[in-house]
């Protein structure tokens, strides 16, 4: 698949996920959680993605009392939506703790939304941005500066997944 086709496929999947989310709100649940993956490179599906997602879902379900709302997979990989009676800021803090408890947590993406569908972010909670998988600098800074090649990031991600 060409890089343009891949980019378009990923953007279309992101748009479909947003449409799905938009249809869930407003809700009587104080918080909705989307579990997805934050994998570098073009390969977002396959055995490594499935293994990571299964591990992340198990960890999420053991950390939070949630009700499943939807699960699926697309060009961005597997994802699932859950509802909970906990407050959104509390869920975001618990999600960040889950992401930090194991190196594989860095490859999970736990997005939290309040009852109206507003996303609760790290900045809102005065939490530092997500760190780089390789050097621990802020991930966005490394992405913008192109400090690490995709192959290095993919190999690191695979090694982390193989360790779970």
Protein backbone atom coordinates (compact mmCIF):
# COMPACT_ATOMS: atom_id res chain seq x y z
CA UNK A 1 0.00 0.00 0.00
CA UNK A 2 1.37 3.42 -0.91
CA UNK A 3 2.08 5.92 1.84
CA UNK A 4 -0.78 8.14 0.61
CA UNK A 5 -3.21 5.20 0.61
CA UNK A 6 -2.07 4.19 4.09
CA UNK A 7 -2.44 7.72 5.40
CA UNK A 8 -5.91 8.00 3.87
CA UNK A 9 -6.92 4.64 5.35
CA UNK A 10 -5.74 5.68 8.82
CA UNK A 11 -7.47 9.07 8.58
CA UNK A 12 -10.72 7.42 7.44
CA UNK A 13 -10.56 4.99 10.38
CA UNK A 14 -9.98 7.89 12.78
CA UNK A 15 -12.99 9.72 11.31
CA UNK A 16 -15.20 6.63 11.67
CA UNK A 17 -14.14 6.25 15.30
CA UNK A 18 -15.01 9.88 15.93
CA UNK A 19 -18.45 9.39 14.36
CA UNK A 20 -18.99 6.37 16.61
CA UNK A 21 -17.99 8.41 19.66
CA UNK A 22 -20.18 11.34 18.64
CA UNK A 23 -23.18 9.00 18.60
CA UNK A 24 -22.59 7.95 22.22
CA UNK A 25 -23.04 11.36 23.82
CA UNK A 26 -24.59 12.76 25.88
CA UNK A 27 -24.77 9.79 28.22
CA UNK A 28 -25.85 9.24 31.83
CA UNK A 29 -22.45 7.64 32.51
CA UNK A 30 -19.92 10.08 34.01
CA UNK A 31 -17.10 8.66 31.89
CA UNK A 32 -16.48 6.73 28.68
CA UNK A 33 -13.11 5.14 27.98
CA UNK A 34 -11.69 4.23 24.59
CA UNK A 35 -8.92 1.66 24.69
CA UNK A 36 -6.82 1.61 21.55
CA UNK A 37 -3.19 1.14 20.60
CA UNK A 38 -0.40 3.63 20.10
CA UNK A 39 1.86 1.62 17.79
CA UNK A 40 4.61 3.20 15.68
CA UNK A 41 4.88 2.34 12.01
CA UNK A 42 2.41 1.25 9.38
CA UNK A 43 1.48 -2.12 10.91
CA UNK A 44 -1.41 -1.49 13.30
CA UNK A 45 -2.94 -4.99 13.16
CA UNK A 46 -1.67 -8.53 13.44
CA UNK A 47 -0.36 -10.79 16.19
CA UNK A 48 1.63 -8.12 18.05
CA UNK A 49 -1.31 -5.69 18.04
CA UNK A 50 -3.72 -8.43 19.13
CA UNK A 51 -1.42 -9.53 21.95
CA UNK A 52 -0.94 -5.98 23.20
CA UNK A 53 -4.64 -5.20 23.00
CA UNK A 54 -5.61 -8.37 24.89
CA UNK A 55 -3.07 -7.53 27.60
CA UNK A 56 -4.27 -3.91 27.82
CA UNK A 57 -7.92 -4.93 27.99
CA UNK A 58 -7.18 -7.42 30.76
CA UNK A 59 -5.30 -4.76 32.73
CA UNK A 60 -8.03 -2.16 32.18
CA UNK A 61 -10.79 -4.52 33.28
CA UNK A 62 -8.87 -5.44 36.42
CA UNK A 63 -8.19 -1.77 37.27
CA UNK A 64 -11.64 -0.29 36.60
CA UNK A 65 -15.24 -1.37 36.90
CA UNK A 66 -16.50 -0.74 33.39
CA UNK A 67 -19.38 -1.77 31.16
CA UNK A 68 -18.47 -2.69 27.58
CA UNK A 69 -20.15 -0.44 25.00
CA UNK A 70 -18.47 -1.39 21.70
CA UNK A 71 -15.45 -3.22 20.34
CA UNK A 72 -14.03 -3.49 16.87
CA UNK A 73 -10.99 -3.22 14.67
CA UNK A 74 -10.05 -1.04 11.72
CA UNK A 75 -6.95 0.20 9.94
CA UNK A 76 -5.75 1.73 13.23
CA UNK A 77 -6.02 -1.64 14.97
CA UNK A 78 -8.31 -3.06 17.64
CA UNK A 79 -10.26 -0.72 19.92
CA UNK A 80 -13.03 -0.87 22.50
CA UNK A 81 -15.31 1.55 24.29
CA UNK A 82 -16.37 1.19 27.90
CA UNK A 83 -18.63 3.13 30.23
CA UNK A 84 -18.09 3.65 33.94
CA UNK A 85 -19.76 5.30 36.89
CA UNK A 86 -16.47 6.86 38.01
CA UNK A 87 -15.78 10.54 37.32
CA UNK A 88 -13.87 11.23 34.11
CA UNK A 89 -10.88 12.91 35.81
CA UNK A 90 -10.54 9.97 38.21
CA UNK A 91 -10.68 7.53 35.28
CA UNK A 92 -8.03 9.53 33.39
CA UNK A 93 -5.69 9.39 36.38
CA UNK A 94 -6.25 5.64 36.74
CA UNK A 95 -5.68 5.20 33.00
CA UNK A 96 -2.39 7.09 33.14
CA UNK A 97 -1.32 4.94 36.10
CA UNK A 98 -2.12 1.85 34.01
CA UNK A 99 -0.08 3.24 31.10
CA UNK A 100 2.86 3.86 33.48
CA UNK A 101 2.81 0.55 35.38
CA UNK A 102 4.51 -1.49 32.65
CA UNK A 103 6.54 -0.55 29.54
CA UNK A 104 3.74 -2.02 27.39
CA UNK A 105 1.37 0.53 28.90
CA UNK A 106 3.23 3.17 26.88
CA UNK A 107 1.81 1.52 23.76
CA UNK A 108 -1.78 1.76 24.96
CA UNK A 109 -4.00 4.74 24.34
CA UNK A 110 -6.69 5.28 26.96
CA UNK A 111 -8.82 8.22 25.96
CA UNK A 112 -11.37 9.36 28.53
CA UNK A 113 -14.50 11.39 27.81
CA UNK A 114 -16.95 12.99 30.21
CA UNK A 115 -20.74 12.53 30.03
CA UNK A 116 -21.02 15.21 27.31
CA UNK A 117 -18.27 13.71 25.15
CA UNK A 118 -15.53 16.19 26.07
CA UNK A 119 -12.12 14.51 26.17
CA UNK A 120 -10.16 14.75 29.42
CA UNK A 121 -6.49 15.32 28.62
CA UNK A 122 -3.21 15.25 30.49
CA UNK A 123 -2.74 19.01 30.24
CA UNK A 124 -6.08 19.60 31.94
CA UNK A 125 -4.84 17.54 34.90
CA UNK A 126 -1.43 19.27 34.84
CA UNK A 127 0.26 16.00 33.89
CA UNK A 128 3.37 15.91 31.69
CA UNK A 129 2.89 14.84 28.07
CA UNK A 130 3.48 11.24 27.04
CA UNK A 131 7.18 10.37 26.80
CA UNK A 132 9.04 9.00 23.81
CA UNK A 133 9.29 5.24 23.53
CA UNK A 134 13.05 5.46 22.95
CA UNK A 135 14.53 8.38 24.88
CA UNK A 136 11.87 9.52 27.39
CA UNK A 137 11.73 13.07 26.04
CA UNK A 138 8.21 14.31 25.24
CA UNK A 139 6.95 12.09 22.39
CA UNK A 140 5.59 14.95 20.30
CA UNK A 141 8.93 16.75 20.44
CA UNK A 142 10.69 13.62 19.15
CA UNK A 143 8.10 13.15 16.42
CA UNK A 144 8.40 16.74 15.21
CA UNK A 145 12.21 16.67 15.35
CA UNK A 146 12.29 13.19 13.73
CA UNK A 147 14.83 12.09 16.35
CA UNK A 148 14.22 8.36 15.84
CA UNK A 149 13.63 6.38 12.68
CA UNK A 150 10.43 4.40 12.31
CA UNK A 151 12.31 1.10 12.22
CA UNK A 152 13.91 1.82 15.61
CA UNK A 153 10.52 2.65 17.12
CA UNK A 154 8.87 -0.44 15.63
CA UNK A 155 11.63 -2.72 16.92
CA UNK A 156 11.37 -1.20 20.40
CA UNK A 157 7.56 -1.62 20.39
CA UNK A 158 7.85 -5.26 19.32
CA UNK A 159 10.39 -5.97 22.05
CA UNK A 160 8.10 -4.42 24.67
CA UNK A 161 5.13 -6.45 23.41
CA UNK A 162 7.19 -9.66 23.32
CA UNK A 163 7.98 -9.08 27.03
CA UNK A 164 4.32 -9.23 28.13
